[in-house]
Every structure is written in C-alpha cells, then in structure tokens.
C-alpha cells in the first residue's frame, strides 16, 4: 500500500477556515481534509450504537463516527488557537519600509477591532496584495512545518492517490 499524499493547499485552506466550534482533520487514508462540528464529534463519542440512530442522524454523523472509531487514521490540523494572526499583522508592519505607513499600521493593530482596522488601513495604503501574499506565505510555512512534524507527505497542486 502506498503512502497517502496530502494536498498542501487543502491543508492551508483547512487552517485558514478554522473557526470555533469546528475541528479540522487530515485523513491519513485518503489525504482529504475534513471539517466536523464539535457537537457532532461529541455526539459520536456519547452514542452507544451507531445503528440505534435514525437514518438521517447516521448520515450526519458518519464522518464523526469514523473519526472517533478510527482516530489513528486522522490528524487534527492546527486550530485558530494554534495560529496567531495578530502576530502575522505585527510582523508585516515591521516589514513596511515607509515609516509613516509602518506607524499607521502599528497604531491600527492596537485594541479592540484591530483586525478590521488593520485590513482597512492596508487597503487604504494600497498594500492589500502584499498583505495577502505575506499572510499566505505564513500559513504555507505553518502547514509545511505541521506536515514535517507529523510525517505527512505533501504536494502542491492536485494530488492523485496511488501515483
């Protein structure tokens, strides 16, 4: 049996879309990134028998049950708690060479509403493309590091298992 290969872009997408109440996993069997509501995982852990559920519940919980029953076949992706986007913004600010723009951005990331203010200021300064390129690069670095730490083989672009 050949080793499963993951698509790096799928892992990055899973990390970028991480939100409270959801868990994101990489299937070591298929290389697919899956998203599961934590409530479904909890229910799958608590239910005595899958067969005791209504058919619609079985369909809703099918993947959650598989994760619970075969946890060794899945790796949980870094969550929003593991990834510090505020740090991304701060580090980006210090890369800006224009002192006025740098200080403007550093002021924007102070206090409540920092993410919205930062994005607005980056757009106003005409640096949105640079910001997204930087942010995407940081996510890519984290994804590669995560793959290497977990022994996950990855490729960029479309992955066909068994190649």
N, C-alpha and C. Protein backbone atom coordinates (compact mmCIF):
# COMPACT_ATOMS: atom_id res chain seq x y z
N UNK A 1 0.84 -1.18 0.00
CA UNK A 1 0.00 0.00 0.00
C UNK A 1 0.88 1.24 0.00
N UNK A 2 0.60 2.17 -0.91
CA UNK A 2 1.40 3.38 -0.98
C UNK A 2 0.96 4.37 0.10
N UNK A 3 1.89 5.23 0.47
CA UNK A 3 1.61 6.22 1.49
C UNK A 3 0.70 7.31 0.92
N UNK A 4 -0.23 7.76 1.73
CA UNK A 4 -1.15 8.82 1.32
C UNK A 4 -0.39 10.13 1.22
N UNK A 5 -0.72 10.88 0.19
CA UNK A 5 -0.10 12.18 -0.03
C UNK A 5 -1.18 13.25 0.11
N UNK A 6 -0.88 14.28 0.87
CA UNK A 6 -1.84 15.36 1.10
C UNK A 6 -1.57 16.52 0.15
N UNK A 7 -2.62 17.24 -0.17
CA UNK A 7 -2.51 18.46 -0.97
C UNK A 7 -2.26 19.61 -0.01
N UNK A 8 -1.11 20.27 -0.15
CA UNK A 8 -0.75 21.34 0.77
C UNK A 8 -1.79 22.46 0.76
N UNK A 9 -2.35 22.77 -0.40
CA UNK A 9 -3.37 23.83 -0.48
C UNK A 9 -4.60 23.47 0.34
N UNK A 10 -4.98 22.20 0.37
CA UNK A 10 -6.13 21.77 1.17
C UNK A 10 -5.85 21.94 2.66
N UNK A 11 -4.63 21.64 3.07
CA UNK A 11 -4.25 21.81 4.48
C UNK A 11 -4.28 23.29 4.84
N UNK A 12 -3.73 24.12 3.98
CA UNK A 12 -3.73 25.57 4.23
C UNK A 12 -5.16 26.09 4.30
N UNK A 13 -6.00 25.68 3.36
CA UNK A 13 -7.42 26.10 3.39
C UNK A 13 -8.08 25.68 4.70
N UNK A 14 -7.80 24.46 5.15
CA UNK A 14 -8.36 23.98 6.41
C UNK A 14 -7.93 24.83 7.59
N UNK A 15 -6.67 25.25 7.59
CA UNK A 15 -6.18 26.09 8.68
C UNK A 15 -6.77 27.50 8.59
N UNK A 16 -6.87 28.04 7.39
CA UNK A 16 -7.38 29.40 7.22
C UNK A 16 -8.86 29.51 7.57
N UNK A 17 -9.60 28.44 7.36
CA UNK A 17 -11.04 28.48 7.63
C UNK A 17 -11.39 27.95 9.01
N UNK A 18 -10.38 27.67 9.82
CA UNK A 18 -10.62 27.17 11.18
C UNK A 18 -11.43 28.19 11.97
N UNK A 19 -12.45 27.69 12.65
CA UNK A 19 -13.27 28.57 13.47
C UNK A 19 -13.75 27.81 14.70
N UNK A 20 -14.15 28.58 15.69
CA UNK A 20 -14.65 27.98 16.92
C UNK A 20 -15.82 27.06 16.62
N UNK A 21 -15.85 25.94 17.33
CA UNK A 21 -16.95 25.00 17.18
C UNK A 21 -16.74 23.96 16.09
N UNK A 22 -15.64 24.03 15.40
CA UNK A 22 -15.34 23.07 14.33
C UNK A 22 -13.96 22.49 14.55
N UNK A 23 -13.79 21.24 14.16
CA UNK A 23 -12.48 20.59 14.15
C UNK A 23 -12.16 20.23 12.71
N UNK A 24 -10.90 20.33 12.36
CA UNK A 24 -10.44 20.07 11.00
C UNK A 24 -9.40 18.96 11.06
N UNK A 25 -9.59 17.95 10.24
CA UNK A 25 -8.71 16.78 10.27
C UNK A 25 -8.19 16.47 8.88
N UNK A 26 -7.01 15.87 8.85
CA UNK A 26 -6.48 15.28 7.62
C UNK A 26 -6.67 13.78 7.74
N UNK A 27 -7.34 13.19 6.76
CA UNK A 27 -7.49 11.74 6.73
C UNK A 27 -6.19 11.15 6.21
N UNK A 28 -5.58 10.30 7.01
CA UNK A 28 -4.33 9.66 6.59
C UNK A 28 -4.57 8.56 5.57
N UNK A 29 -5.82 8.16 5.41
CA UNK A 29 -6.16 7.14 4.41
C UNK A 29 -6.38 7.75 3.04
N UNK A 30 -7.05 8.91 3.00
CA UNK A 30 -7.43 9.49 1.71
C UNK A 30 -6.67 10.76 1.36
N UNK A 31 -6.05 11.40 2.34
CA UNK A 31 -5.39 12.68 2.10
C UNK A 31 -6.35 13.85 2.08
N UNK A 32 -7.62 13.57 2.35
CA UNK A 32 -8.66 14.60 2.32
C UNK A 32 -8.70 15.36 3.65
N UNK A 33 -8.95 16.67 3.56
CA UNK A 33 -9.16 17.47 4.76
C UNK A 33 -10.66 17.52 5.01
N UNK A 34 -11.05 17.19 6.24
CA UNK A 34 -12.47 17.18 6.58
C UNK A 34 -12.75 18.16 7.72
N UNK A 35 -13.96 18.67 7.73
CA UNK A 35 -14.42 19.62 8.74
C UNK A 35 -15.58 18.98 9.47
N UNK A 36 -15.54 19.01 10.80
CA UNK A 36 -16.61 18.40 11.59
C UNK A 36 -16.98 19.35 12.73
N UNK A 37 -18.27 19.56 12.91
CA UNK A 37 -18.72 20.35 14.05
C UNK A 37 -18.38 19.59 15.33
N UNK A 38 -17.88 20.32 16.31
CA UNK A 38 -17.50 19.67 17.56
C UNK A 38 -18.70 18.99 18.23
N UNK A 39 -19.89 19.54 18.05
CA UNK A 39 -21.09 18.91 18.59
C UNK A 39 -21.32 17.53 18.00
N UNK A 40 -21.01 17.37 16.71
CA UNK A 40 -21.15 16.06 16.08
C UNK A 40 -20.10 15.09 16.62
N UNK A 41 -18.89 15.57 16.85
CA UNK A 41 -17.86 14.70 17.45
C UNK A 41 -18.28 14.26 18.84
N UNK A 42 -18.80 15.21 19.62
CA UNK A 42 -19.25 14.88 20.98
C UNK A 42 -20.36 13.84 20.95
N UNK A 43 -21.32 14.02 20.05
CA UNK A 43 -22.43 13.08 19.95
C UNK A 43 -21.92 11.70 19.53
N UNK A 44 -20.98 11.67 18.58
CA UNK A 44 -20.43 10.40 18.12
C UNK A 44 -19.71 9.67 19.25
N UNK A 45 -19.09 10.41 20.15
CA UNK A 45 -18.41 9.80 21.29
C UNK A 45 -19.39 9.27 22.33
N UNK A 46 -20.54 9.92 22.45
CA UNK A 46 -21.50 9.58 23.50
C UNK A 46 -22.46 8.47 23.12
N UNK A 47 -22.77 8.33 21.85
CA UNK A 47 -23.77 7.36 21.40
C UNK A 47 -23.23 5.95 21.55
N UNK A 48 -24.04 5.08 22.13
CA UNK A 48 -23.63 3.68 22.34
C UNK A 48 -23.51 2.93 21.02
N UNK A 49 -24.53 3.07 20.17
CA UNK A 49 -24.55 2.31 18.93
C UNK A 49 -24.99 3.19 17.77
N UNK A 50 -24.20 3.17 16.75
CA UNK A 50 -24.48 3.90 15.52
C UNK A 50 -25.82 3.46 14.93
N UNK A 51 -26.11 2.18 15.01
CA UNK A 51 -27.34 1.62 14.44
C UNK A 51 -28.60 2.09 15.17
N UNK A 52 -28.46 2.53 16.42
CA UNK A 52 -29.62 3.00 17.19
C UNK A 52 -30.12 4.37 16.72
N UNK A 53 -29.34 5.04 15.92
CA UNK A 53 -29.72 6.37 15.45
C UNK A 53 -30.65 6.30 14.25
N UNK A 54 -31.41 7.37 14.06
CA UNK A 54 -32.24 7.50 12.86
C UNK A 54 -31.31 7.57 11.65
N UNK A 55 -31.83 7.22 10.48
CA UNK A 55 -31.01 7.20 9.26
C UNK A 55 -30.38 8.57 8.98
N UNK A 56 -31.17 9.64 9.13
CA UNK A 56 -30.64 10.98 8.85
C UNK A 56 -29.52 11.33 9.83
N UNK A 57 -29.64 10.87 11.10
CA UNK A 57 -28.59 11.12 12.07
C UNK A 57 -27.33 10.34 11.72
N UNK A 58 -27.51 9.12 11.24
CA UNK A 58 -26.36 8.31 10.82
C UNK A 58 -25.61 9.01 9.69
N UNK A 59 -26.36 9.56 8.74
CA UNK A 59 -25.73 10.26 7.62
C UNK A 59 -24.98 11.49 8.10
N UNK A 60 -25.62 12.26 9.00
CA UNK A 60 -24.99 13.47 9.53
C UNK A 60 -23.72 13.16 10.33
N UNK A 61 -23.73 12.04 11.03
CA UNK A 61 -22.63 11.72 11.94
C UNK A 61 -21.64 10.71 11.37
N UNK A 62 -21.82 10.30 10.14
CA UNK A 62 -20.98 9.24 9.57
C UNK A 62 -19.49 9.54 9.68
N UNK A 63 -19.08 10.71 9.27
CA UNK A 63 -17.66 11.06 9.31
C UNK A 63 -17.20 11.21 10.75
N UNK A 64 -18.03 11.83 11.59
CA UNK A 64 -17.67 11.99 13.00
C UNK A 64 -17.45 10.64 13.67
N UNK A 65 -18.33 9.67 13.38
CA UNK A 65 -18.16 8.33 13.93
C UNK A 65 -16.85 7.71 13.45
N UNK A 66 -16.53 7.90 12.19
CA UNK A 66 -15.29 7.33 11.66
C UNK A 66 -14.08 7.94 12.37
N UNK A 67 -14.12 9.25 12.60
CA UNK A 67 -13.01 9.90 13.31
C UNK A 67 -12.89 9.35 14.73
N UNK A 68 -14.01 9.20 15.42
CA UNK A 68 -13.99 8.69 16.79
C UNK A 68 -13.52 7.24 16.84
N UNK A 69 -14.05 6.42 15.95
CA UNK A 69 -13.73 4.99 15.95
C UNK A 69 -12.33 4.69 15.41
N UNK A 70 -11.83 5.52 14.53
CA UNK A 70 -10.53 5.27 13.87
C UNK A 70 -9.63 6.50 14.00
N UNK A 71 -9.53 7.01 15.22
CA UNK A 71 -8.81 8.26 15.45
C UNK A 71 -7.38 8.23 14.93
N UNK A 72 -6.77 7.04 14.94
CA UNK A 72 -5.38 6.91 14.47
C UNK A 72 -5.25 7.17 12.97
N UNK A 73 -6.37 7.19 12.26
CA UNK A 73 -6.37 7.44 10.81
C UNK A 73 -6.51 8.92 10.48
N UNK A 74 -6.53 9.76 11.50
CA UNK A 74 -6.74 11.20 11.29
C UNK A 74 -5.73 12.01 12.10
N UNK A 75 -5.38 13.16 11.56
CA UNK A 75 -4.56 14.12 12.29
C UNK A 75 -5.34 15.43 12.34
N UNK A 76 -5.45 16.00 13.53
CA UNK A 76 -6.15 17.28 13.64
C UNK A 76 -5.22 18.40 13.17
N UNK A 77 -5.76 19.26 12.32
CA UNK A 77 -4.99 20.39 11.81
C UNK A 77 -4.84 21.45 12.90
N UNK A 78 -3.82 22.30 12.79
CA UNK A 78 -3.71 23.41 13.74
C UNK A 78 -5.00 24.23 13.74
N UNK A 79 -5.44 24.63 14.92
CA UNK A 79 -6.68 25.39 15.04
C UNK A 79 -6.38 26.88 15.05
N UNK A 80 -7.44 27.67 15.12
CA UNK A 80 -7.27 29.12 15.20
C UNK A 80 -6.54 29.51 16.49
N UNK A 81 -6.57 28.64 17.50
CA UNK A 81 -5.84 28.91 18.74
C UNK A 81 -4.34 28.65 18.58
N UNK A 82 -3.99 27.82 17.61
CA UNK A 82 -2.58 27.49 17.36
C UNK A 82 -1.91 28.50 16.43
N UNK A 83 -2.72 29.26 15.71
CA UNK A 83 -2.20 30.18 14.70
C UNK A 83 -2.49 31.60 15.16
N UNK A 84 -1.46 32.41 15.29
CA UNK A 84 -1.59 33.76 15.83
C UNK A 84 -1.59 34.79 14.69
N UNK A 85 -2.77 35.10 14.17
CA UNK A 85 -2.85 36.06 13.06
C UNK A 85 -2.47 37.47 13.51
N UNK A 86 -2.65 37.77 14.77
CA UNK A 86 -2.21 39.08 15.27
C UNK A 86 -0.69 39.21 15.07
N UNK A 87 0.01 38.13 15.36
CA UNK A 87 1.46 38.13 15.16
C UNK A 87 1.80 38.34 13.68
N UNK A 88 1.02 37.74 12.78
CA UNK A 88 1.22 37.95 11.34
C UNK A 88 1.13 39.44 11.03
N UNK A 89 0.09 40.09 11.56
CA UNK A 89 -0.10 41.52 11.28
C UNK A 89 1.06 42.34 11.83
N UNK A 90 1.43 42.08 13.06
CA UNK A 90 2.53 42.83 13.67
C UNK A 90 3.83 42.65 12.88
N UNK A 91 4.14 41.41 12.52
CA UNK A 91 5.36 41.16 11.76
C UNK A 91 5.32 41.84 10.40
N UNK A 92 4.15 41.85 9.77
CA UNK A 92 4.01 42.53 8.47
C UNK A 92 4.29 44.02 8.63
N UNK A 93 3.78 44.61 9.70
CA UNK A 93 4.01 46.04 9.94
C UNK A 93 5.50 46.36 9.93
N UNK A 94 6.29 45.53 10.57
CA UNK A 94 7.72 45.80 10.68
C UNK A 94 8.48 45.57 9.38
N UNK A 95 7.83 44.94 8.41
CA UNK A 95 8.44 44.77 7.09
C UNK A 95 8.21 45.98 6.19
N UNK A 96 7.26 46.83 6.57
CA UNK A 96 6.94 48.02 5.77
C UNK A 96 8.07 49.02 5.93
N UNK A 97 8.65 49.45 4.82
CA UNK A 97 9.80 50.35 4.86
C UNK A 97 9.42 51.80 5.13
N UNK A 98 8.30 52.25 4.59
CA UNK A 98 7.85 53.63 4.80
C UNK A 98 7.44 53.80 6.27
N UNK A 99 8.16 54.66 6.99
CA UNK A 99 7.94 54.82 8.44
C UNK A 99 6.53 55.28 8.76
N UNK A 100 6.00 56.21 7.97
CA UNK A 100 4.65 56.71 8.24
C UNK A 100 3.62 55.58 8.09
N UNK A 101 3.74 54.80 7.02
CA UNK A 101 2.82 53.67 6.80
C UNK A 101 3.00 52.62 7.89
N UNK A 102 4.25 52.35 8.26
CA UNK A 102 4.52 51.37 9.32
C UNK A 102 3.84 51.79 10.62
N UNK A 103 4.03 53.05 11.01
CA UNK A 103 3.43 53.54 12.25
C UNK A 103 1.91 53.55 12.18
N UNK A 104 1.37 53.90 11.02
CA UNK A 104 -0.08 53.88 10.82
C UNK A 104 -0.62 52.47 11.05
N UNK A 105 0.05 51.48 10.48
CA UNK A 105 -0.38 50.08 10.63
C UNK A 105 -0.20 49.60 12.08
N UNK A 106 0.90 49.97 12.70
CA UNK A 106 1.12 49.57 14.10
C UNK A 106 0.05 50.17 15.01
N UNK A 107 -0.36 51.40 14.75
CA UNK A 107 -1.44 52.01 15.53
C UNK A 107 -2.76 51.29 15.28
N UNK A 108 -2.97 50.83 14.06
CA UNK A 108 -4.23 50.17 13.70
C UNK A 108 -4.42 48.85 14.45
N UNK A 109 -3.33 48.20 14.83
CA UNK A 109 -3.47 46.88 15.47
C UNK A 109 -3.57 46.95 16.99
N UNK A 110 -3.78 48.15 17.52
CA UNK A 110 -3.91 48.31 18.96
C UNK A 110 -5.38 48.25 19.37
N UNK A 111 -5.68 47.48 20.39
CA UNK A 111 -7.02 47.47 20.99
C UNK A 111 -8.06 46.67 20.21
N UNK A 112 -9.31 46.85 20.65
CA UNK A 112 -10.44 46.14 20.04
C UNK A 112 -10.60 46.57 18.59
N UNK A 113 -10.99 45.61 17.76
CA UNK A 113 -11.22 45.91 16.35
C UNK A 113 -9.94 45.97 15.53
N UNK A 114 -8.85 45.44 16.09
CA UNK A 114 -7.55 45.53 15.43
C UNK A 114 -7.55 44.88 14.05
N UNK A 115 -8.20 43.74 13.91
CA UNK A 115 -8.17 43.03 12.63
C UNK A 115 -8.85 43.85 11.54
N UNK A 116 -10.02 44.40 11.85
CA UNK A 116 -10.76 45.20 10.87
C UNK A 116 -9.98 46.48 10.53
N UNK A 117 -9.48 47.18 11.56
CA UNK A 117 -8.73 48.41 11.31
C UNK A 117 -7.49 48.14 10.48
N UNK A 118 -6.79 47.05 10.80
CA UNK A 118 -5.58 46.72 10.06
C UNK A 118 -5.91 46.49 8.59
N UNK A 119 -6.92 45.68 8.34
CA UNK A 119 -7.29 45.39 6.95
C UNK A 119 -7.70 46.67 6.22
N UNK A 120 -8.47 47.51 6.88
CA UNK A 120 -8.87 48.78 6.27
C UNK A 120 -7.66 49.66 5.95
N UNK A 121 -6.71 49.73 6.88
CA UNK A 121 -5.52 50.57 6.67
C UNK A 121 -4.64 49.99 5.57
N UNK A 122 -4.48 48.69 5.55
CA UNK A 122 -3.69 48.04 4.50
C UNK A 122 -4.30 48.35 3.14
N UNK A 123 -5.62 48.26 3.05
CA UNK A 123 -6.31 48.56 1.78
C UNK A 123 -6.13 50.03 1.42
N UNK A 124 -6.30 50.92 2.38
CA UNK A 124 -6.16 52.36 2.14
C UNK A 124 -4.75 52.70 1.66
N UNK A 125 -3.76 52.01 2.19
CA UNK A 125 -2.36 52.24 1.80
C UNK A 125 -2.00 51.54 0.49
N UNK A 126 -2.95 50.80 -0.08
CA UNK A 126 -2.69 50.10 -1.34
C UNK A 126 -1.77 48.90 -1.19
N UNK A 127 -1.80 48.28 -0.02
CA UNK A 127 -0.88 47.18 0.27
C UNK A 127 -1.60 45.85 0.46
N UNK A 128 -2.85 45.78 0.02
CA UNK A 128 -3.64 44.58 0.25
C UNK A 128 -3.02 43.34 -0.40
N UNK A 129 -2.54 43.47 -1.62
CA UNK A 129 -1.91 42.33 -2.29
C UNK A 129 -0.68 41.86 -1.53
N UNK A 130 0.14 42.82 -1.07
CA UNK A 130 1.34 42.46 -0.31
C UNK A 130 0.97 41.75 1.00
N UNK A 131 -0.08 42.26 1.67
CA UNK A 131 -0.52 41.65 2.92
C UNK A 131 -0.97 40.22 2.69
N UNK A 132 -1.83 40.01 1.68
CA UNK A 132 -2.32 38.65 1.45
C UNK A 132 -1.20 37.72 1.02
N UNK A 133 -0.27 38.21 0.26
CA UNK A 133 0.87 37.38 -0.14
C UNK A 133 1.69 36.99 1.10
N UNK A 134 1.92 37.95 1.98
CA UNK A 134 2.66 37.68 3.21
C UNK A 134 1.90 36.69 4.09
N UNK A 135 0.60 36.96 4.30
CA UNK A 135 -0.24 36.10 5.13
C UNK A 135 -0.28 34.67 4.58
N UNK A 136 -0.47 34.54 3.28
CA UNK A 136 -0.49 33.22 2.65
C UNK A 136 0.84 32.50 2.84
N UNK A 137 1.93 33.25 2.75
CA UNK A 137 3.24 32.66 2.97
C UNK A 137 3.41 32.13 4.38
N UNK A 138 2.89 32.87 5.35
CA UNK A 138 2.98 32.42 6.75
C UNK A 138 2.16 31.14 6.96
N UNK A 139 0.95 31.10 6.39
CA UNK A 139 0.14 29.88 6.50
C UNK A 139 0.85 28.71 5.83
N UNK A 140 1.47 28.97 4.70
CA UNK A 140 2.19 27.92 3.97
C UNK A 140 3.33 27.37 4.84
N UNK A 141 4.08 28.26 5.48
CA UNK A 141 5.18 27.83 6.37
C UNK A 141 4.65 26.95 7.51
N UNK A 142 3.56 27.37 8.12
CA UNK A 142 2.97 26.60 9.22
C UNK A 142 2.51 25.24 8.73
N UNK A 143 1.88 25.20 7.56
CA UNK A 143 1.39 23.93 7.01
C UNK A 143 2.54 22.98 6.71
N UNK A 144 3.61 23.49 6.12
CA UNK A 144 4.76 22.64 5.81
C UNK A 144 5.39 22.12 7.11
N UNK A 145 5.56 23.00 8.08
CA UNK A 145 6.12 22.59 9.37
C UNK A 145 5.25 21.52 10.02
N UNK A 146 3.92 21.70 9.97
CA UNK A 146 2.99 20.73 10.54
C UNK A 146 3.13 19.39 9.84
N UNK A 147 3.19 19.41 8.51
CA UNK A 147 3.34 18.17 7.74
C UNK A 147 4.63 17.45 8.15
N UNK A 148 5.72 18.20 8.21
CA UNK A 148 7.01 17.59 8.55
C UNK A 148 7.02 17.04 9.97
N UNK A 149 6.43 17.78 10.92
CA UNK A 149 6.37 17.31 12.31
C UNK A 149 5.54 16.04 12.45
N UNK A 150 4.55 15.88 11.59
CA UNK A 150 3.64 14.74 11.67
C UNK A 150 3.92 13.65 10.65
N UNK A 151 5.02 13.78 9.91
CA UNK A 151 5.39 12.77 8.92
C UNK A 151 4.41 12.67 7.76
N UNK A 152 3.76 13.77 7.43
CA UNK A 152 2.79 13.79 6.33
C UNK A 152 3.50 14.19 5.04
N UNK A 153 3.40 13.32 4.06
CA UNK A 153 3.95 13.65 2.74
C UNK A 153 2.94 14.55 2.04
N UNK A 154 3.44 15.61 1.39
CA UNK A 154 2.53 16.56 0.75
C UNK A 154 3.07 16.96 -0.62
N UNK A 155 2.15 17.47 -1.40
CA UNK A 155 2.49 18.04 -2.71
C UNK A 155 1.71 19.32 -2.87
N UNK A 156 2.21 20.15 -3.74
CA UNK A 156 1.46 21.36 -4.10
C UNK A 156 0.72 21.05 -5.39
N UNK A 157 -0.51 21.51 -5.48
CA UNK A 157 -1.31 21.21 -6.66
C UNK A 157 -2.14 19.96 -6.45
N UNK A 158 -2.77 19.54 -7.51
CA UNK A 158 -3.68 18.39 -7.47
C UNK A 158 -2.93 17.11 -7.10
N UNK A 159 -3.51 16.33 -6.23
CA UNK A 159 -2.91 15.07 -5.79
C UNK A 159 -3.83 13.93 -6.19
N UNK A 160 -3.25 12.95 -6.86
CA UNK A 160 -3.98 11.73 -7.19
C UNK A 160 -3.32 10.61 -6.41
N UNK A 161 -4.10 9.98 -5.51
CA UNK A 161 -3.54 8.92 -4.67
C UNK A 161 -3.13 7.73 -5.53
N UNK A 162 -2.03 7.09 -5.13
CA UNK A 162 -1.55 5.89 -5.81
C UNK A 162 -0.63 6.17 -6.97
N UNK A 163 -0.29 7.44 -7.21
CA UNK A 163 0.64 7.76 -8.30
C UNK A 163 2.05 7.36 -7.94
